[in-house]
Amino acid sequence: MILKKDYLRYIFVVPVLICCFFFTSCVSTQKSVYFKNLPDTVIAPVKGNFEPVIQKNDVLQIIVSSMNPEDAIVFNTPSTATTGAAGGGTQVTGYLVSEQGFIEYPVLGHVKAAGLTKEQLTTYLRDELNNRKLMRDPVVSVRFLNYRVTVLGEVSRPGVFAINNERMSIMEALGVAGDITIYGKKDNVLLIRDVEGQRVIKRLNLNNDDILSSPYYYLQSNDVVYVEPTKARVVNASGNRQTISIILSSISLFVIILDRLIIK
């Protein structure tokens, strides 16, 4: 024989379990796997030059050396010491690329940098120093001090990440961000890139192995990667909470009324 107390417990618990079952959204495993059905194979490298291009507001480190170290001293001190954040609050000092795309370089003055690769800027500086006989056989090294990518949306650790090796694939970026959660759309990842002042928007399908040979596989400095949430995440974050709260409140009211009727 079921006591009144046990009876009320069953009346309350069973509807709650039913609600949890129906309102817990399922995520398709088909869309949660990277490169599904990818066989053992060798993928040809992507054709093209994917060396990062210098952009406005980049901060560059330029180091010059030669047979005579004293000749290089003036070229290893930024004429306009510029400090900028390279991610994580770290302060760096280097040559700031202006809004007009130039850096202020010692002796050479205005040097066009935006739109060039590091190799192209290196060649230009080396040739100028040689041609003007400012140095003999100079060795020039250029690197980014603010190379970073931003990963947002349905990842475990969204944020801005500074990159030391100046080359990162989209898979590496997602790895640094803790990977896409089960609620993220792997088949519709948004890539936002600045190209000569214009925003280029590209949607990538990480379920498809075509991404491995895509020109967007390797990221560039200041790229933004956004992982869109699935409908399940949106529902769980909004409608479900409110709906379940209303249902539980209604069940509680029903139990109280039923308890009063049984007592009578």
Protein backbone atom coordinates (compact mmCIF):
# COMPACT_ATOMS: atom_id res chain seq x y z
CA MET A 1 0.00 0.00 0.00
CA ILE A 2 1.38 3.40 -0.99
CA LEU A 3 1.25 5.99 1.75
CA LYS A 4 0.00 9.50 1.05
CA LYS A 5 3.54 10.85 1.50
CA ASP A 6 4.98 8.38 -1.02
CA TYR A 7 2.08 9.00 -3.38
CA LEU A 8 2.78 12.72 -3.43
CA ARG A 9 6.46 12.07 -3.99
CA TYR A 10 5.71 9.97 -7.08
CA ILE A 11 3.32 12.63 -8.38
CA PHE A 12 6.03 15.25 -8.12
CA VAL A 13 9.11 13.30 -9.26
CA VAL A 14 7.69 11.59 -12.36
CA PRO A 15 6.63 14.81 -14.16
CA VAL A 16 10.01 16.37 -13.36
CA LEU A 17 11.83 13.44 -14.97
CA ILE A 18 9.57 13.63 -18.01
CA CYS A 19 10.25 17.37 -18.37
CA CYS A 20 14.00 16.85 -18.12
CA PHE A 21 13.82 14.17 -20.80
CA PHE A 22 11.85 16.24 -23.29
CA PHE A 23 13.68 19.51 -22.73
CA THR A 24 17.19 18.13 -22.86
CA SER A 25 18.24 18.80 -26.43
CA CYS A 26 20.25 16.25 -28.32
CA VAL A 27 23.30 17.14 -30.39
CA SER A 28 23.87 15.33 -33.66
CA THR A 29 27.04 13.27 -33.49
CA GLN A 30 27.33 13.59 -37.26
CA LYS A 31 28.04 17.31 -36.90
CA SER A 32 30.34 17.01 -33.88
CA VAL A 33 33.15 15.11 -35.64
CA TYR A 34 36.05 16.73 -37.48
CA PHE A 35 36.76 15.46 -41.01
CA LYS A 36 34.23 12.64 -40.89
CA ASN A 37 34.92 9.74 -43.27
CA LEU A 38 38.46 11.01 -43.94
CA PRO A 39 40.52 8.00 -45.14
CA ASP A 40 44.26 7.46 -44.79
CA THR A 41 45.72 9.68 -47.46
CA VAL A 42 48.26 12.35 -48.33
CA ILE A 43 46.87 15.82 -48.99
CA ALA A 44 48.81 18.04 -51.38
CA PRO A 45 49.96 21.36 -49.92
CA VAL A 46 47.89 24.41 -50.72
CA LYS A 47 49.33 26.48 -53.54
CA GLY A 48 50.05 30.10 -52.73
CA ASN A 49 52.03 32.26 -50.34
CA PHE A 50 50.56 32.28 -46.86
CA GLU A 51 53.20 34.43 -45.22
CA PRO A 52 51.43 37.05 -43.07
CA VAL A 53 51.06 40.48 -44.62
CA ILE A 54 51.96 43.55 -42.57
CA GLN A 55 48.92 45.63 -41.69
CA LYS A 56 48.23 49.07 -40.27
CA ASN A 57 48.77 49.27 -36.49
CA ASP A 58 51.07 46.23 -36.49
CA VAL A 59 54.12 46.48 -34.25
CA LEU A 60 57.35 45.22 -35.83
CA GLN A 61 60.68 44.24 -34.38
CA ILE A 62 63.51 45.03 -36.80
CA ILE A 63 67.03 43.88 -35.93
CA VAL A 64 70.06 44.75 -38.07
CA SER A 65 73.52 43.27 -37.74
CA SER A 66 76.77 43.54 -39.72
CA MET A 67 80.50 42.90 -39.58
CA ASN A 68 80.85 46.16 -37.66
CA PRO A 69 78.42 46.10 -34.69
CA GLU A 70 78.81 49.84 -34.11
CA ASP A 71 77.28 50.60 -37.52
CA ALA A 72 74.13 48.72 -36.55
CA ILE A 73 73.45 50.47 -33.24
CA VAL A 74 71.43 53.34 -34.71
CA PHE A 75 69.25 50.94 -36.71
CA ASN A 76 68.38 48.80 -33.72
CA THR A 77 66.69 51.59 -31.77
CA PRO A 78 63.18 52.52 -32.90
CA SER A 79 63.15 56.19 -33.85
CA THR A 80 59.70 56.44 -32.33
CA ALA A 81 59.50 54.08 -29.39
CA THR A 82 55.99 52.73 -29.60
CA THR A 83 54.43 50.53 -26.99
CA GLY A 84 51.49 48.27 -27.65
CA ALA A 85 49.77 45.26 -26.15
CA ALA A 86 50.66 41.91 -27.67
CA GLY A 87 48.06 39.94 -25.76
CA GLY A 88 47.75 39.04 -22.09
CA GLY A 89 48.68 42.55 -21.03
CA THR A 90 52.31 42.15 -22.19
CA GLN A 91 53.87 45.42 -23.34
CA VAL A 92 56.14 45.42 -26.38
CA THR A 93 58.23 48.12 -28.02
CA GLY A 94 58.89 48.28 -31.74
CA TYR A 95 58.06 50.09 -34.95
CA LEU A 96 54.38 50.94 -35.19
CA VAL A 97 52.85 50.81 -38.67
CA SER A 98 50.88 54.04 -38.99
CA GLU A 99 47.38 54.47 -40.36
CA GLN A 100 49.03 55.53 -43.63
CA GLY A 101 50.97 52.24 -43.68
CA PHE A 102 54.45 53.62 -42.90
CA ILE A 103 57.06 53.11 -40.19
CA GLU A 104 59.58 55.72 -39.09
CA TYR A 105 62.93 54.04 -39.63
CA PRO A 106 66.27 55.58 -38.58
CA VAL A 107 68.05 57.47 -41.39
CA LEU A 108 65.72 56.03 -44.06
CA GLY A 109 62.73 57.96 -42.72
CA HIS A 110 59.25 57.00 -43.99
CA VAL A 111 59.29 53.37 -45.08
CA LYS A 112 56.20 51.76 -46.60
CA ALA A 113 55.41 48.58 -44.65
CA ALA A 114 51.66 47.86 -44.87
CA GLY A 115 50.83 45.41 -47.63
CA LEU A 116 54.31 43.85 -47.63
CA THR A 117 55.35 40.50 -46.23
CA LYS A 118 58.20 40.28 -43.75
CA GLU A 119 60.44 38.95 -46.51
CA GLN A 120 59.62 41.86 -48.81
CA LEU A 121 60.27 44.44 -46.09
CA THR A 122 63.49 42.68 -45.14
CA THR A 123 64.72 42.77 -48.74
CA TYR A 124 63.81 46.45 -49.11
CA LEU A 125 65.64 47.51 -45.93
CA ARG A 126 68.71 45.44 -46.75
CA ASP A 127 68.92 46.85 -50.27
CA GLU A 128 68.45 50.44 -49.06
CA LEU A 129 71.15 50.11 -46.43
CA ASN A 130 73.48 48.64 -49.04
CA ASN A 131 72.68 51.06 -51.86
CA ARG A 132 73.06 54.11 -49.64
CA LYS A 133 76.29 52.64 -48.26
CA LEU A 134 75.01 53.01 -44.73
CA MET A 135 76.15 49.49 -43.87
CA ARG A 136 78.16 46.78 -45.56
CA ASP A 137 76.44 43.43 -46.07
CA PRO A 138 73.75 44.03 -43.44
CA VAL A 139 71.66 41.20 -42.08
CA VAL A 140 68.07 42.29 -41.44
CA SER A 141 65.48 40.39 -39.40
CA VAL A 142 61.81 41.42 -39.20
CA ARG A 143 59.16 39.83 -37.00
CA PHE A 144 55.74 40.68 -35.65
CA LEU A 145 55.40 41.68 -32.00
CA ASN A 146 51.61 41.70 -32.00
CA TYR A 147 50.74 38.63 -34.08
CA ARG A 148 47.48 37.42 -32.59
CA VAL A 149 44.19 35.74 -33.42
CA THR A 150 40.82 35.98 -31.70
CA VAL A 151 38.61 32.94 -31.11
CA LEU A 152 35.04 33.56 -29.95
CA GLY A 153 31.75 31.73 -29.57
CA GLU A 154 31.21 28.09 -28.61
CA VAL A 155 34.74 27.19 -27.52
CA SER A 156 35.95 26.25 -24.07
CA ARG A 157 38.26 29.25 -23.60
CA PRO A 158 37.39 32.16 -25.93
CA GLY A 159 39.88 35.01 -26.07
CA VAL A 160 42.70 36.80 -27.88
CA PHE A 161 45.82 34.64 -28.30
CA ALA A 162 49.32 35.94 -29.04
CA ILE A 163 51.25 33.72 -31.46
CA ASN A 164 55.01 33.39 -31.20
CA ASN A 165 55.77 31.37 -34.33
CA GLU A 166 53.76 33.70 -36.61
CA ARG A 167 52.02 30.80 -38.31
CA MET A 168 48.91 29.10 -37.00
CA SER A 169 46.27 26.92 -38.61
CA ILE A 170 42.60 27.21 -37.71
CA MET A 171 42.84 23.81 -36.00
CA GLU A 172 45.70 25.02 -33.82
CA ALA A 173 43.74 28.16 -32.92
CA LEU A 174 40.76 26.08 -31.82
CA GLY A 175 43.11 23.85 -29.85
CA VAL A 176 44.53 26.85 -27.98
CA ALA A 177 40.95 27.93 -27.23
CA GLY A 178 40.14 24.55 -25.71
CA ASP A 179 38.33 23.14 -28.78
CA ILE A 180 34.74 23.62 -29.92
CA THR A 181 32.13 22.56 -27.38
CA ILE A 182 29.46 19.99 -28.22
CA TYR A 183 27.10 22.92 -28.82
CA GLY A 184 29.28 24.54 -31.49
CA LYS A 185 28.63 24.29 -35.23
CA LYS A 186 31.71 22.69 -36.77
CA ASP A 187 30.13 22.91 -40.21
CA ASN A 188 29.67 26.70 -40.11
CA VAL A 189 32.72 28.36 -38.51
CA LEU A 190 33.02 32.04 -39.38
CA LEU A 191 36.39 33.57 -40.29
CA ILE A 192 36.73 37.37 -40.38
CA ARG A 193 39.88 38.81 -41.96
CA ASP A 194 41.12 42.32 -42.76
CA VAL A 195 42.42 42.59 -46.31
CA GLU A 196 43.59 46.07 -47.33
CA GLY A 197 41.00 47.77 -45.14
CA GLN A 198 38.13 45.53 -46.17
CA ARG A 199 36.47 42.81 -44.08
CA VAL A 200 36.56 39.43 -45.77
CA ILE A 201 34.00 36.97 -44.39
CA LYS A 202 34.44 33.25 -45.00
CA ARG A 203 32.42 30.33 -43.63
CA LEU A 204 34.34 27.10 -43.11
CA ASN A 205 33.07 23.53 -42.76
CA LEU A 206 35.35 21.63 -40.39
CA ASN A 207 33.36 18.43 -40.95
CA ASN A 208 34.69 18.40 -44.50
CA ASP A 209 38.28 17.45 -45.25
CA ASP A 210 38.41 20.18 -47.94
CA ILE A 211 39.42 22.59 -45.18
CA LEU A 212 42.86 20.93 -45.10
CA SER A 213 43.61 22.26 -48.59
CA SER A 214 41.75 25.55 -48.19
CA PRO A 215 43.64 28.87 -48.50
CA TYR A 216 41.95 29.79 -45.21
CA TYR A 217 43.43 26.83 -43.33
CA TYR A 218 46.31 29.03 -42.13
CA LEU A 219 45.31 32.15 -40.22
CA GLN A 220 46.75 35.62 -40.49
CA SER A 221 47.41 38.19 -37.80
CA ASN A 222 44.26 39.79 -36.39
CA ASP A 223 41.98 37.08 -37.82
CA VAL A 224 38.77 36.49 -35.88
CA VAL A 225 37.31 32.98 -35.66
CA TYR A 226 33.72 32.72 -34.46
CA VAL A 227 32.04 29.39 -33.68
CA GLU A 228 28.28 29.71 -33.97
CA PRO A 229 26.14 27.93 -31.33
CA THR A 230 23.65 25.26 -32.34
CA LYS A 231 19.93 25.69 -31.83
CA ALA A 232 20.22 23.30 -28.89
CA ARG A 233 22.53 25.75 -27.09
CA VAL A 234 20.23 28.71 -27.77
CA VAL A 235 17.21 26.81 -26.49
CA ASN A 236 19.04 25.55 -23.42
CA ALA A 237 20.32 29.01 -22.60
CA SER A 238 16.96 30.78 -22.91
CA GLY A 239 13.64 29.10 -23.50
CA ASN A 240 14.22 25.90 -21.58
CA ARG A 241 15.09 27.61 -18.31
CA GLN A 242 11.98 29.74 -18.38
CA THR A 243 9.73 26.91 -19.57
CA ILE A 244 10.99 24.39 -17.03
CA SER A 245 10.66 26.98 -14.25
CA ILE A 246 7.01 27.57 -15.18
CA ILE A 247 6.29 23.84 -15.38
CA LEU A 248 7.92 23.11 -12.03
CA SER A 249 5.99 25.95 -10.42
CA SER A 250 2.76 24.56 -11.88
CA ILE A 251 3.59 21.06 -10.61
CA SER A 252 4.30 22.42 -7.13
CA LEU A 253 0.96 24.23 -7.13
CA PHE A 254 -0.77 21.06 -8.34
CA VAL A 255 0.78 18.99 -5.55
CA ILE A 256 -0.24 21.51 -2.90
CA ILE A 257 -3.84 21.55 -4.17
CA LEU A 258 -3.89 17.75 -4.34
CA ASP A 259 -2.51 17.50 -0.83
CA ARG A 260 -5.28 19.75 0.46
CA LEU A 261 -7.93 17.64 -1.30
CA ILE A 262 -6.54 14.39 0.13
CA ILE A 263 -6.48 15.85 3.61
CA LYS A 264 -10.13 16.83 3.23
